[in-house]
Amino acid sequence: MFHQPVLIYNPAAGKLRRNPEGILQRTKAALARGRVGTEKPLELLPTTGPDMAGNLAREAIGRGADLVIVLGGDGTVNEVLQGMAQSSVPLGVLPGGTANCLAMELGLGSRLERAVERLTACQPKTVALGRATPAGVTANGNGSASPSRWFLLMCGAGLDAAIVDEVHSGLKKSTGKLAYWVAGLAQFRRRVGPMKVEVGGKTFDCGFALFSSIRNYGGDMEIASGASLLKDDFEIVLFEGTNPLRYAAYMMAVGIGQVQKMPGVHTLRAQSAQLITPAPTQVDGEFFSRGAVRLEAVPNAITLLLPAGYK
């Protein structure tokens, strides 16, 4: 039981934009029925701009919060991580964004009321976080001012990060996932940029690299089928080639769950890796860098509310 929970929410997130007051009241009532926050009322903390959710989380923990719940998309969750990484306060998530990869991974679903009910039955578990650091920079700190970026779900390099960078924010607000498909189709008009990735002392040539701690990709697809938040390393899936038609075939294989059997697809496991070639990267669905990047999985870096049956 938690006695001083806070709810950080993004008013601009897809679900909240439609009926913010009604959604917040239903969320508070459902959490109370699940015996969350019986000693003090749930404190509501709205974000008012980019990169402020981490500060809200950090300040709430400093005031004694013993649970941080995030209602928003995966990007809002990622911002909160920057303020709570390596603390002992548990993090709970509720779907409020476009893809909601984490909520889908945990089996909470995309329907908010049902997700609240399922969240109240979850238990805290300490898990690893990924950390992305620009090459040549020493990783330090857990604040938004640090050059490193914590991530919980995945880091993508190459093609998918280029797509994330191309997504039109207005189209995303009005159409949701369709904006990613529009940006993706635009990428398929040009060749995929080649890059080199180093894993375990070996160098691989590819056009898309995924370093993942979850199976879910995009909310309703699966690429890293052996990944798990309970593991202290990444499942790394590397895609060879620069021809966009080849990537169209890869994506069709993703749709039928056979991508790791495709020629040109390599699956590895490692606790660290290096993107040697400067290339676009995204973490948890948010654009991160265009340079070379070091990646590492840091064990026991966050406490997450997980369903009892999660594997």
Protein backbone atom coordinates (compact mmCIF):
# COMPACT_ATOMS: atom_id res chain seq x y z
CA MET A 1 0.00 0.00 0.00
CA PHE A 2 1.27 3.47 -0.89
CA HIS A 3 0.52 6.48 1.24
CA GLN A 4 1.81 9.50 -0.70
CA PRO A 5 1.37 8.82 -4.43
CA VAL A 6 1.61 11.41 -7.17
CA LEU A 7 0.19 11.27 -10.69
CA ILE A 8 2.22 13.06 -13.37
CA TYR A 9 0.14 13.56 -16.48
CA ASN A 10 0.62 15.10 -19.90
CA PRO A 11 -2.41 17.27 -20.82
CA ALA A 12 -1.32 17.17 -24.46
CA ALA A 13 -1.38 13.34 -24.63
CA GLY A 14 -3.90 11.82 -27.00
CA LYS A 15 -6.41 10.44 -24.51
CA LEU A 16 -6.26 13.41 -22.15
CA ARG A 17 -6.85 16.04 -24.83
CA ARG A 18 -10.39 14.80 -25.38
CA ASN A 19 -11.72 15.00 -21.80
CA PRO A 20 -8.97 15.83 -19.27
CA GLU A 21 -11.16 16.51 -16.22
CA GLY A 22 -13.33 13.43 -16.68
CA ILE A 23 -10.36 11.14 -17.29
CA LEU A 24 -8.48 12.45 -14.24
CA GLN A 25 -11.49 12.04 -11.95
CA ARG A 26 -12.14 8.48 -13.16
CA THR A 27 -8.44 7.66 -12.74
CA LYS A 28 -8.37 8.98 -9.17
CA ALA A 29 -11.53 7.06 -8.25
CA ALA A 30 -10.24 3.81 -9.75
CA LEU A 31 -6.88 4.13 -7.97
CA ALA A 32 -8.67 4.76 -4.66
CA ARG A 33 -10.80 1.65 -5.17
CA GLY A 34 -7.56 -0.25 -5.68
CA ARG A 35 -6.29 0.98 -2.31
CA VAL A 36 -3.65 3.33 -3.69
CA GLY A 37 -3.17 6.46 -1.65
CA THR A 38 -5.53 5.88 1.27
CA GLU A 39 -3.55 8.03 3.70
CA LYS A 40 -3.22 11.18 1.57
CA PRO A 41 -5.09 12.29 -1.55
CA LEU A 42 -3.46 11.57 -4.89
CA GLU A 43 -1.45 14.63 -5.93
CA LEU A 44 -1.96 15.60 -9.58
CA LEU A 45 1.04 17.13 -11.36
CA PRO A 46 0.51 18.30 -14.97
CA THR A 47 3.40 18.85 -17.34
CA THR A 48 3.40 22.24 -19.03
CA GLY A 49 6.15 21.72 -21.58
CA PRO A 50 8.88 19.40 -22.85
CA ASP A 51 11.44 17.92 -20.47
CA MET A 52 9.74 19.06 -17.27
CA ALA A 53 8.26 15.72 -16.17
CA GLY A 54 11.64 14.60 -14.79
CA ASN A 55 11.83 17.67 -12.56
CA LEU A 56 8.27 17.07 -11.34
CA ALA A 57 9.20 13.50 -10.38
CA ARG A 58 12.44 14.55 -8.69
CA GLU A 59 10.72 17.28 -6.66
CA ALA A 60 7.85 14.98 -5.66
CA ILE A 61 10.28 12.36 -4.38
CA GLY A 62 12.08 15.09 -2.46
CA ARG A 63 8.75 15.94 -0.76
CA GLY A 64 8.27 12.32 0.29
CA ALA A 65 6.29 10.74 -2.56
CA ASP A 66 6.39 6.95 -2.28
CA LEU A 67 4.85 6.19 -5.68
CA VAL A 68 5.02 8.02 -9.01
CA ILE A 69 2.32 7.17 -11.57
CA VAL A 70 2.60 8.49 -15.11
CA LEU A 71 -0.46 9.05 -17.27
CA GLY A 72 0.79 9.82 -20.76
CA GLY A 73 2.71 8.31 -23.62
CA ASP A 74 6.05 6.54 -23.64
CA GLY A 75 7.78 9.88 -24.17
CA THR A 76 6.33 11.25 -20.93
CA VAL A 77 7.40 8.08 -19.10
CA ASN A 78 10.91 8.57 -20.48
CA GLU A 79 11.01 12.15 -19.22
CA VAL A 80 9.98 10.97 -15.74
CA LEU A 81 12.81 8.42 -15.76
CA GLN A 82 15.35 11.23 -15.97
CA GLY A 83 14.21 12.38 -12.51
CA MET A 84 13.79 9.02 -10.82
CA ALA A 85 16.52 6.74 -12.17
CA GLN A 86 18.43 4.97 -9.38
CA SER A 87 15.89 6.00 -6.74
CA SER A 88 13.93 3.42 -4.73
CA VAL A 89 10.50 4.97 -5.36
CA PRO A 90 8.30 2.75 -7.58
CA LEU A 91 7.05 3.88 -10.97
CA GLY A 92 3.62 2.94 -12.32
CA VAL A 93 2.36 3.70 -15.83
CA LEU A 94 -1.05 4.24 -17.39
CA PRO A 95 -1.75 4.49 -21.15
CA GLY A 96 -2.40 8.03 -22.31
CA GLY A 97 -0.32 8.40 -25.46
CA THR A 98 -0.13 7.20 -29.05
CA ALA A 99 1.56 3.78 -28.96
CA ASN A 100 1.71 3.06 -25.19
CA CYS A 101 4.38 0.40 -25.74
CA LEU A 102 5.11 -0.04 -22.04
CA ALA A 103 1.47 -0.40 -21.02
CA MET A 104 0.93 -2.92 -23.81
CA GLU A 105 4.10 -4.82 -22.87
CA LEU A 106 2.88 -5.17 -19.28
CA GLY A 107 -0.57 -6.36 -20.32
CA LEU A 108 -2.28 -3.26 -18.94
CA GLY A 109 -3.87 -2.59 -22.32
CA SER A 110 -4.83 0.66 -23.99
CA ARG A 111 -8.19 1.18 -22.22
CA LEU A 112 -7.49 3.50 -19.32
CA GLU A 113 -10.10 2.28 -16.84
CA ARG A 114 -9.08 -1.36 -17.24
CA ALA A 115 -5.39 -0.42 -17.06
CA VAL A 116 -5.99 1.37 -13.73
CA GLU A 117 -7.62 -1.74 -12.29
CA ARG A 118 -4.73 -3.92 -13.44
CA LEU A 119 -2.12 -1.46 -12.20
CA THR A 120 -3.48 -1.58 -8.63
CA ALA A 121 -2.77 -5.33 -8.57
CA CYS A 122 0.87 -4.89 -9.70
CA GLN A 123 3.85 -5.33 -7.40
CA PRO A 124 7.14 -3.35 -7.27
CA LYS A 125 10.14 -5.00 -8.92
CA THR A 126 13.61 -3.54 -9.44
CA VAL A 127 14.70 -3.72 -13.09
CA ALA A 128 17.45 -2.46 -15.36
CA LEU A 129 17.46 0.77 -17.33
CA GLY A 130 19.26 1.48 -20.54
CA ARG A 131 21.57 4.47 -20.77
CA ALA A 132 22.54 6.17 -24.02
CA THR A 133 25.59 8.41 -23.95
CA PRO A 134 27.14 10.34 -26.86
CA ALA A 135 30.52 8.87 -27.79
CA GLY A 136 33.43 10.61 -26.10
CA VAL A 137 31.27 11.77 -23.16
CA THR A 138 31.44 10.32 -19.65
CA ALA A 139 28.05 9.13 -18.40
CA ASN A 140 27.07 10.93 -15.22
CA GLY A 141 24.09 12.01 -13.21
CA ASN A 142 20.41 11.32 -13.72
CA GLY A 143 19.15 14.80 -14.52
CA SER A 144 17.88 16.21 -17.77
CA ALA A 145 21.04 18.35 -18.01
CA SER A 146 23.21 15.24 -18.29
CA PRO A 147 24.34 14.33 -21.82
CA SER A 148 23.27 10.75 -21.10
CA ARG A 149 19.66 9.67 -21.50
CA TRP A 150 18.02 6.89 -19.51
CA PHE A 151 15.55 4.63 -21.31
CA LEU A 152 13.33 1.79 -20.20
CA LEU A 153 12.02 0.31 -23.43
CA MET A 154 14.43 0.52 -26.34
CA CYS A 155 16.93 2.45 -28.38
CA GLY A 156 16.59 2.37 -32.14
CA ALA A 157 19.37 3.49 -34.50
CA GLY A 158 19.18 4.18 -38.21
CA LEU A 159 15.93 3.80 -40.09
CA ASP A 160 13.39 3.91 -37.27
CA ALA A 161 15.05 6.93 -35.62
CA ALA A 162 14.99 8.73 -38.98
CA ILE A 163 11.25 8.02 -39.12
CA VAL A 164 10.75 9.33 -35.57
CA ASP A 165 12.63 12.49 -36.55
CA GLU A 166 10.36 12.98 -39.58
CA VAL A 167 7.04 12.59 -37.73
CA HIS A 168 4.95 15.75 -38.02
CA SER A 169 3.78 16.76 -34.53
CA GLY A 170 0.47 18.21 -35.75
CA LEU A 171 -0.33 15.10 -37.76
CA LYS A 172 0.58 12.93 -34.75
CA LYS A 173 -1.87 14.87 -32.56
CA SER A 174 -4.69 14.51 -35.07
CA THR A 175 -4.10 10.99 -36.39
CA GLY A 176 -1.93 9.14 -33.82
CA LYS A 177 0.01 6.20 -35.27
CA LEU A 178 -0.87 7.14 -38.84
CA ALA A 179 1.71 9.94 -38.59
CA TYR A 180 4.45 7.32 -38.16
CA TRP A 181 3.30 5.40 -41.22
CA VAL A 182 3.30 8.62 -43.26
CA ALA A 183 6.85 9.40 -42.11
CA GLY A 184 7.89 5.82 -42.78
CA LEU A 185 6.58 5.84 -46.35
CA ALA A 186 8.58 9.02 -46.97
CA GLN A 187 11.74 7.23 -45.83
CA PHE A 188 11.14 4.39 -48.28
CA ARG A 189 11.70 6.79 -51.16
CA ARG A 190 15.41 6.95 -50.34
CA ARG A 191 18.19 4.50 -49.53
CA VAL A 192 18.74 3.59 -45.88
CA GLY A 193 21.90 5.09 -44.43
CA PRO A 194 24.57 2.46 -43.61
CA MET A 195 26.11 2.32 -40.15
CA LYS A 196 28.43 0.18 -38.06
CA VAL A 197 27.51 -1.27 -34.67
CA GLU A 198 29.98 -2.91 -32.28
CA VAL A 199 28.68 -5.67 -30.00
CA GLY A 200 30.95 -7.93 -27.95
CA GLY A 201 34.07 -6.83 -29.80
CA LYS A 202 32.57 -7.59 -33.23
CA THR A 203 31.51 -4.98 -35.80
CA PHE A 204 28.31 -5.36 -37.82
CA ASP A 205 27.10 -3.41 -40.87
CA CYS A 206 23.41 -2.57 -40.84
CA GLY A 207 20.81 0.06 -41.64
CA PHE A 208 18.60 -0.42 -38.59
CA ALA A 209 19.60 -1.60 -35.12
CA LEU A 210 17.22 -2.18 -32.22
CA PHE A 211 18.49 -2.47 -28.63
CA SER A 212 15.43 -3.56 -26.70
CA SER A 213 14.29 -4.49 -23.21
CA ILE A 214 10.72 -5.23 -24.32
CA ARG A 215 9.08 -7.42 -26.91
CA ASN A 216 6.51 -4.81 -27.92
CA TYR A 217 7.32 -2.44 -30.76
CA GLY A 218 5.02 0.38 -31.81
CA GLY A 219 2.22 -0.77 -29.50
CA ASP A 220 1.04 -3.72 -31.59
CA MET A 221 4.09 -5.35 -33.19
CA GLU A 222 6.97 -7.51 -31.98
CA ILE A 223 10.60 -7.49 -33.09
CA ALA A 224 12.75 -8.45 -30.07
CA SER A 225 10.77 -11.57 -29.17
CA GLY A 226 13.20 -12.68 -26.45
CA ALA A 227 13.46 -9.35 -24.64
CA SER A 228 12.18 -8.80 -21.10
CA LEU A 229 12.26 -6.02 -18.53
CA LEU A 230 13.38 -8.68 -16.04
CA LYS A 231 16.68 -9.22 -17.87
CA ASP A 232 19.79 -7.14 -17.27
CA ASP A 233 20.80 -6.94 -20.92
CA PHE A 234 19.42 -5.94 -24.30
CA GLU A 235 18.11 -8.12 -27.06
CA ILE A 236 19.82 -6.59 -30.09
CA VAL A 237 18.28 -7.07 -33.53
CA LEU A 238 20.38 -5.88 -36.50
CA PHE A 239 19.02 -5.45 -40.03
CA GLU A 240 21.43 -5.54 -42.99
CA GLY A 241 21.07 -3.57 -46.20
CA THR A 242 20.38 -0.11 -47.58
CA ASN A 243 17.69 -0.89 -50.18
CA PRO A 244 14.31 0.37 -48.92
CA LEU A 245 12.50 -2.54 -50.58
CA ARG A 246 14.45 -4.87 -48.33
CA TYR A 247 13.07 -3.06 -45.31
CA ALA A 248 9.55 -3.33 -46.68
CA ALA A 249 10.08 -7.11 -46.67
CA TYR A 250 11.46 -6.94 -43.12
CA MET A 251 8.37 -5.05 -41.93
CA MET A 252 6.05 -7.58 -43.55
CA ALA A 253 7.93 -10.29 -41.66
CA VAL A 254 7.47 -8.30 -38.45
CA GLY A 255 3.73 -8.30 -39.12
CA ILE A 256 3.59 -12.11 -39.21
CA GLY A 257 6.07 -12.65 -36.36
CA GLN A 258 8.84 -14.12 -38.53
CA VAL A 259 11.33 -11.27 -38.78
CA GLN A 260 14.16 -12.94 -36.83
CA LYS A 261 14.11 -15.80 -39.35
CA MET A 262 14.72 -13.45 -42.29
CA PRO A 263 18.08 -13.50 -44.12
CA GLY A 264 20.05 -10.42 -43.15
CA VAL A 265 18.58 -10.20 -39.64
CA HIS A 266 20.92 -10.95 -36.72
CA THR A 267 19.83 -11.34 -33.09
CA LEU A 268 22.30 -10.92 -30.23
CA ARG A 269 22.27 -10.37 -26.48
CA ALA A 270 24.61 -7.97 -24.69
CA GLN A 271 24.75 -5.57 -21.77
CA SER A 272 26.53 -2.90 -23.82
CA ALA A 273 27.03 -1.87 -27.42
CA GLN A 274 28.45 0.99 -29.47
CA LEU A 275 27.04 2.78 -32.46
CA ILE A 276 30.35 3.57 -34.18
CA THR A 277 28.99 5.48 -37.17
CA PRO A 278 27.15 8.76 -36.55
CA ALA A 279 23.49 7.98 -37.23
CA PRO A 280 20.07 9.04 -35.96
CA THR A 281 19.00 7.38 -32.70
CA GLN A 282 15.78 7.37 -30.71
CA VAL A 283 15.13 6.26 -27.14
CA ASP A 284 11.66 5.16 -26.03
CA GLY A 285 10.23 6.65 -29.22
CA GLU A 286 11.79 10.11 -28.78
CA PHE A 287 14.60 11.42 -30.98
CA PHE A 288 17.96 11.46 -29.17
CA SER A 289 21.03 12.06 -31.33
CA ARG A 290 22.63 12.07 -34.77
CA GLY A 291 26.09 11.11 -33.54
CA ALA A 292 27.91 8.00 -32.40
CA VAL A 293 26.43 6.63 -29.17
CA ARG A 294 27.41 4.19 -26.40
CA LEU A 295 24.67 2.03 -24.92
CA GLU A 296 24.65 0.13 -21.64
CA ALA A 297 22.09 -1.70 -19.52
CA VAL A 298 22.36 -0.62 -15.87
CA PRO A 299 20.96 -3.28 -13.48
CA ASN A 300 18.67 -2.37 -10.57
CA ALA A 301 18.23 1.21 -11.81
CA ILE A 302 14.45 1.67 -11.39
CA THR A 303 11.63 0.09 -9.39
CA LEU A 304 8.65 -0.61 -11.64
CA LEU A 305 5.13 -1.81 -10.85
CA LEU A 306 4.83 -5.12 -12.71
CA PRO A 307 2.00 -7.67 -13.03
CA ALA A 308 2.64 -10.89 -11.12
CA GLY A 309 2.66 -12.93 -14.33
CA TYR A 310 5.05 -10.79 -16.31
CA LYS A 311 8.03 -12.75 -17.71
